[in-house]
Amino acid sequence: MAAISNDELLSRLGRKMGEPKPRATGQTWISLFGEGLTDVSALLEVAGPYIDRVKIAYGSAMLASPEMLRDTIALLKQADIEPYPGGTLLEMALHYGQYDAFIDWARGAGFTGLEICDGVIEMSDELRSETIRRAAADGFTVTSVVQEVIRKPIVDVVPIEERVARVERDLEAGAKRAHIVFQAIARGEVSTDMVGPIKARQAERLVEAIGAEHLVWEAQTLEDQVAFLRLFGNTVNLGHVKPRTVVQLEAQRRGLGYESFWSEVWQRPHWA
């Protein structure tokens, strides 16, 4: 008698199969911080099918040798994963008037995605939209970052309607998705109170206005990931996921994790 396959057992257990790449929803984005080729290869061996986009973050792309960077990006592309550099590098290029040089470097390295953000520099709506349009016209898949908390140089919480309007402008300019960073939402109710629940209603407002397929939610911790899965289902797009937790997240998406199965059996959130 032939052994039962993973897929057949998953089906018998009533678990949903993951969508193959490329997928519009259920995406997982991770960040790398200078891992070597051996580490990246090992990660892709076990988690490649569950990763859609990789940021080579914190300027680490500039610290790798050109050969290692190109080889790393080639590995990601072979696994149908889109590579992109961290948005701060593009902010620096804009600040110093070196956008064209940055684009030349990104293209030469093999990047196919870019991230537009204004975590450091002041960026008018016009400059932000124009940068998105230029990057898209240069052939890159563009995503933007929309934050709840701005820290330049004082802490300011951006009202939800302003964030909705910003996402709408970014998409109109040519961004494919907006990465929503809910720092105050994930860590606290207001900027001076860093302990508290995710503000589910604000997240729902963004989905109602924009559509789930255009949004990627910052979810670095298991608690945040499960909260978004509970709120929007297993096809929610999640970003800044830590590489070592990709398979754990995929298990939660498919209802195989302890927390998701507990909620299914007892019909209430695990941390209720």
Protein backbone atom coordinates (compact mmCIF):
# COMPACT_ATOMS: atom_id res chain seq x y z
CA MET A 1 0.00 0.00 0.00
CA ALA A 2 1.43 3.36 -1.02
CA ALA A 3 2.08 5.86 1.72
CA ILE A 4 -0.39 8.73 1.91
CA SER A 5 1.03 12.00 0.58
CA ASN A 6 1.27 15.29 2.42
CA ASP A 7 -1.28 16.87 0.09
CA GLU A 8 -3.78 14.04 0.58
CA LEU A 9 -3.49 14.14 4.35
CA LEU A 10 -3.87 17.92 4.35
CA SER A 11 -7.04 17.52 2.29
CA ARG A 12 -8.43 14.88 4.65
CA LEU A 13 -7.75 17.17 7.59
CA GLY A 14 -9.69 19.96 5.88
CA ARG A 15 -6.66 22.18 5.48
CA LYS A 16 -6.44 24.65 2.61
CA MET A 17 -3.64 24.31 0.10
CA GLY A 18 -1.42 27.34 -0.45
CA GLU A 19 -1.72 29.26 -3.71
CA PRO A 20 1.24 28.89 -6.09
CA LYS A 21 3.33 31.90 -7.08
CA PRO A 22 2.76 34.44 -8.47
CA ARG A 23 -0.14 35.20 -6.13
CA ALA A 24 -2.03 38.42 -5.50
CA THR A 25 -2.92 37.60 -1.89
CA GLY A 26 -1.45 35.43 0.83
CA GLN A 27 1.97 36.96 0.18
CA THR A 28 4.82 36.82 2.68
CA TRP A 29 7.60 39.41 2.51
CA ILE A 30 10.79 39.00 4.50
CA SER A 31 13.89 41.07 5.23
CA LEU A 32 17.50 39.94 4.98
CA PHE A 33 20.34 41.74 6.73
CA GLY A 34 23.53 40.55 5.06
CA GLU A 35 23.11 36.77 5.15
CA GLY A 36 25.60 34.81 3.07
CA LEU A 37 24.82 32.64 0.07
CA THR A 38 24.83 29.45 2.16
CA ASP A 39 22.26 30.89 4.56
CA VAL A 40 20.05 32.19 1.75
CA SER A 41 20.25 28.88 -0.09
CA ALA A 42 19.30 26.95 3.05
CA LEU A 43 16.37 29.30 3.70
CA LEU A 44 15.05 28.89 0.17
CA GLU A 45 15.41 25.12 0.35
CA VAL A 46 12.81 24.94 3.11
CA ALA A 47 10.82 28.17 2.73
CA GLY A 48 11.22 29.30 -0.89
CA PRO A 49 7.66 28.40 -1.96
CA TYR A 50 6.24 30.52 0.88
CA ILE A 51 8.22 33.74 0.23
CA ASP A 52 7.10 36.30 -2.35
CA ARG A 53 9.34 39.31 -1.82
CA VAL A 54 12.68 39.91 -0.09
CA LYS A 55 14.08 43.21 1.11
CA ILE A 56 17.86 43.33 1.45
CA ALA A 57 17.55 45.77 4.27
CA TYR A 58 19.41 48.33 6.39
CA GLY A 59 21.83 49.21 3.61
CA SER A 60 23.29 45.70 3.74
CA ALA A 61 23.09 45.53 -0.06
CA MET A 62 25.81 48.19 -0.16
CA LEU A 63 28.07 46.22 2.18
CA ALA A 64 28.06 42.96 0.23
CA SER A 65 30.54 42.49 -2.57
CA PRO A 66 28.99 43.11 -6.00
CA GLU A 67 29.46 39.43 -6.84
CA MET A 68 27.77 38.20 -3.66
CA LEU A 69 24.90 40.65 -4.08
CA ARG A 70 24.29 39.55 -7.67
CA ASP A 71 24.51 35.87 -6.69
CA THR A 72 22.08 36.38 -3.80
CA ILE A 73 19.60 38.18 -6.05
CA ALA A 74 19.96 35.42 -8.67
CA LEU A 75 19.08 32.79 -6.06
CA LEU A 76 15.97 34.75 -5.08
CA LYS A 77 14.85 35.14 -8.68
CA GLN A 78 15.32 31.41 -9.34
CA ALA A 79 12.85 30.82 -6.49
CA ASP A 80 10.33 33.27 -8.06
CA ILE A 81 10.98 35.82 -5.31
CA GLU A 82 11.22 39.53 -6.08
CA PRO A 83 14.28 41.25 -4.55
CA TYR A 84 14.38 44.91 -3.58
CA PRO A 85 16.71 47.16 -1.57
CA GLY A 86 15.61 48.96 1.58
CA GLY A 87 13.82 52.25 1.02
CA THR A 88 16.27 54.29 3.08
CA LEU A 89 18.86 53.95 0.32
CA LEU A 90 16.47 55.58 -2.13
CA GLU A 91 15.74 58.32 0.41
CA MET A 92 19.48 59.00 0.62
CA ALA A 93 19.73 59.09 -3.18
CA LEU A 94 16.92 61.64 -3.36
CA HIS A 95 18.43 63.71 -0.55
CA TYR A 96 21.81 63.93 -2.32
CA GLY A 97 20.40 64.30 -5.83
CA GLN A 98 21.64 60.86 -6.92
CA TYR A 99 18.43 59.17 -8.07
CA ASP A 100 19.82 58.24 -11.50
CA ALA A 101 22.97 56.76 -9.99
CA PHE A 102 20.88 54.74 -7.53
CA ILE A 103 18.70 53.36 -10.33
CA ASP A 104 21.78 52.42 -12.33
CA TRP A 105 23.21 50.58 -9.32
CA ALA A 106 19.91 48.81 -8.50
CA ARG A 107 19.45 47.68 -12.09
CA GLY A 108 23.04 46.48 -12.33
CA ALA A 109 22.69 44.45 -9.16
CA GLY A 110 19.59 42.72 -10.53
CA PHE A 111 16.92 44.24 -8.32
CA THR A 112 13.44 44.24 -9.86
CA GLY A 113 11.57 45.95 -7.02
CA LEU A 114 11.90 49.29 -5.25
CA GLU A 115 10.43 50.66 -2.04
CA ILE A 116 9.38 54.31 -1.73
CA CYS A 117 9.25 55.64 1.82
CA ASP A 118 9.89 58.83 3.76
CA GLY A 119 11.01 57.51 7.11
CA VAL A 120 13.83 60.05 7.30
CA ILE A 121 13.52 62.82 4.73
CA GLU A 122 10.68 65.25 4.21
CA MET A 123 8.84 64.31 1.04
CA SER A 124 5.96 66.31 -0.38
CA ASP A 125 3.01 64.47 -1.89
CA GLU A 126 4.18 65.68 -5.31
CA LEU A 127 7.74 64.39 -4.86
CA ARG A 128 6.49 61.07 -3.49
CA SER A 129 4.13 60.52 -6.43
CA GLU A 130 6.74 61.63 -8.96
CA THR A 131 9.33 59.25 -7.47
CA ILE A 132 6.86 56.36 -7.69
CA ARG A 133 6.09 57.24 -11.31
CA ARG A 134 9.77 57.49 -12.23
CA ALA A 135 10.64 54.19 -10.58
CA ALA A 136 7.74 52.42 -12.30
CA ALA A 137 8.73 53.96 -15.64
CA ASP A 138 12.27 52.69 -15.05
CA GLY A 139 10.86 49.16 -15.02
CA PHE A 140 10.70 48.39 -11.29
CA THR A 141 7.82 46.92 -9.30
CA VAL A 142 7.19 49.73 -6.84
CA THR A 143 5.76 49.46 -3.35
CA SER A 144 5.33 52.26 -0.84
CA VAL A 145 5.49 52.42 2.93
CA VAL A 146 2.66 54.13 4.80
CA GLN A 147 3.28 54.68 8.49
CA GLU A 148 0.97 55.52 11.32
CA VAL A 149 3.72 57.10 13.38
CA ILE A 150 6.04 59.76 11.94
CA ARG A 151 9.22 60.56 13.89
CA LYS A 152 10.68 63.62 12.14
CA PRO A 153 11.92 64.93 14.52
CA ILE A 154 8.97 64.77 16.93
CA VAL A 155 6.50 61.89 17.18
CA ASP A 156 3.27 62.45 15.29
CA VAL A 157 0.37 60.05 14.73
CA VAL A 158 -1.13 60.33 11.24
CA PRO A 159 -4.96 60.15 11.18
CA ILE A 160 -6.42 57.14 9.43
CA GLU A 161 -8.08 59.17 6.67
CA GLU A 162 -4.74 60.74 5.77
CA ARG A 163 -3.21 57.27 5.53
CA VAL A 164 -6.05 56.12 3.29
CA ALA A 165 -5.50 59.15 1.03
CA ARG A 166 -1.75 58.49 0.92
CA VAL A 167 -2.25 54.87 -0.16
CA GLU A 168 -4.70 55.98 -2.84
CA ARG A 169 -2.19 58.52 -4.20
CA ASP A 170 0.62 55.97 -4.17
CA LEU A 171 -1.41 53.41 -6.10
CA GLU A 172 -2.58 56.03 -8.59
CA ALA A 173 1.06 57.01 -9.19
CA GLY A 174 2.01 53.43 -10.01
CA ALA A 175 2.75 51.59 -6.76
CA LYS A 176 1.55 47.98 -6.77
CA ARG A 177 1.06 47.69 -3.03
CA ALA A 178 1.38 49.74 0.14
CA HIS A 179 3.22 48.32 3.13
CA ILE A 180 1.30 49.46 6.21
CA VAL A 181 3.45 50.03 9.29
CA PHE A 182 1.28 50.19 12.39
CA GLN A 183 3.97 50.91 14.95
CA ALA A 184 1.59 52.60 17.37
CA ILE A 185 -1.12 50.11 16.50
CA ALA A 186 1.02 47.04 17.08
CA ARG A 187 2.76 48.45 20.13
CA GLY A 188 0.24 50.80 21.70
CA GLU A 189 -2.82 52.98 21.36
CA VAL A 190 -0.92 56.25 21.07
CA SER A 191 2.65 57.23 20.35
CA THR A 192 3.49 57.70 24.03
CA ASP A 193 1.91 54.41 25.11
CA MET A 194 3.81 51.53 23.51
CA VAL A 195 1.76 48.71 25.03
CA GLY A 196 -1.61 47.84 23.53
CA PRO A 197 -3.60 45.86 20.96
CA ILE A 198 -3.72 46.14 17.19
CA LYS A 199 -6.38 48.65 16.20
CA ALA A 200 -8.54 46.31 14.19
CA ARG A 201 -11.06 48.91 13.09
CA GLN A 202 -8.39 51.09 11.48
CA ALA A 203 -7.03 48.10 9.60
CA GLU A 204 -10.53 47.23 8.43
CA ARG A 205 -11.04 50.82 7.27
CA LEU A 206 -7.97 50.57 5.05
CA VAL A 207 -9.17 47.30 3.52
CA GLU A 208 -12.64 48.75 2.90
CA ALA A 209 -11.18 51.78 1.13
CA ILE A 210 -8.27 50.18 -0.73
CA GLY A 211 -8.81 46.43 -1.06
CA ALA A 212 -6.85 43.66 0.66
CA GLU A 213 -4.82 42.74 -2.43
CA HIS A 214 -3.12 46.15 -2.44
CA LEU A 215 -2.06 46.11 1.22
CA VAL A 216 0.78 44.39 3.07
CA TRP A 217 0.76 44.51 6.87
CA GLU A 218 3.81 44.83 9.10
CA ALA A 219 3.77 41.64 11.19
CA GLN A 220 7.11 40.70 12.71
CA THR A 221 5.85 38.74 15.71
CA LEU A 222 3.75 35.60 15.91
CA GLU A 223 1.15 37.49 17.93
CA ASP A 224 0.78 40.16 15.23
CA GLN A 225 0.70 37.57 12.45
CA VAL A 226 -2.03 35.55 14.13
CA ALA A 227 -3.99 38.72 14.84
CA PHE A 228 -3.98 39.70 11.16
CA LEU A 229 -4.80 36.14 10.08
CA ARG A 230 -7.74 36.17 12.47
CA LEU A 231 -8.88 39.57 11.23
CA PHE A 232 -8.56 39.06 7.47
CA GLY A 233 -8.11 35.33 6.90
CA ASN A 234 -5.24 33.19 5.66
CA THR A 235 -4.78 35.14 2.42
CA VAL A 236 -3.71 38.38 4.13
CA ASN A 237 -0.41 39.83 2.87
CA LEU A 238 2.20 40.11 5.64
CA GLY A 239 5.55 41.87 5.58
CA HIS A 240 8.86 42.19 7.43
CA VAL A 241 8.46 38.58 8.48
CA LYS A 242 11.61 37.17 10.07
CA PRO A 243 13.22 34.52 7.85
CA ARG A 244 13.28 31.84 10.53
CA THR A 245 9.52 32.20 11.08
CA VAL A 246 8.37 31.86 7.45
CA VAL A 247 7.42 28.18 7.72
CA GLN A 248 5.77 28.82 11.08
CA LEU A 249 3.64 31.54 9.46
CA GLU A 250 2.72 29.27 6.55
CA ALA A 251 1.59 26.62 9.05
CA GLN A 252 -0.68 29.22 10.66
CA ARG A 253 -2.03 30.22 7.23
CA ARG A 254 -3.02 26.61 6.56
CA GLY A 255 -4.55 26.06 9.98
CA LEU A 256 -1.80 23.67 11.10
CA GLY A 257 -0.43 25.78 13.94
CA TYR A 258 -1.45 25.27 17.54
CA GLU A 259 -3.04 28.73 17.84
CA SER A 260 -5.11 28.48 14.66
CA PHE A 261 -6.26 24.91 15.40
CA TRP A 262 -7.15 25.86 19.00
CA SER A 263 -9.32 28.71 17.72
CA GLU A 264 -11.01 26.38 15.23
CA VAL A 265 -11.85 23.79 17.90
CA TRP A 266 -12.99 26.22 20.59
CA GLN A 267 -14.52 28.86 18.31
CA ARG A 268 -12.79 31.82 19.88
CA PRO A 269 -9.40 33.53 19.64
CA HIS A 270 -6.61 31.63 21.31
CA TRP A 271 -5.57 34.64 23.41
CA ALA A 272 -9.09 35.54 24.50
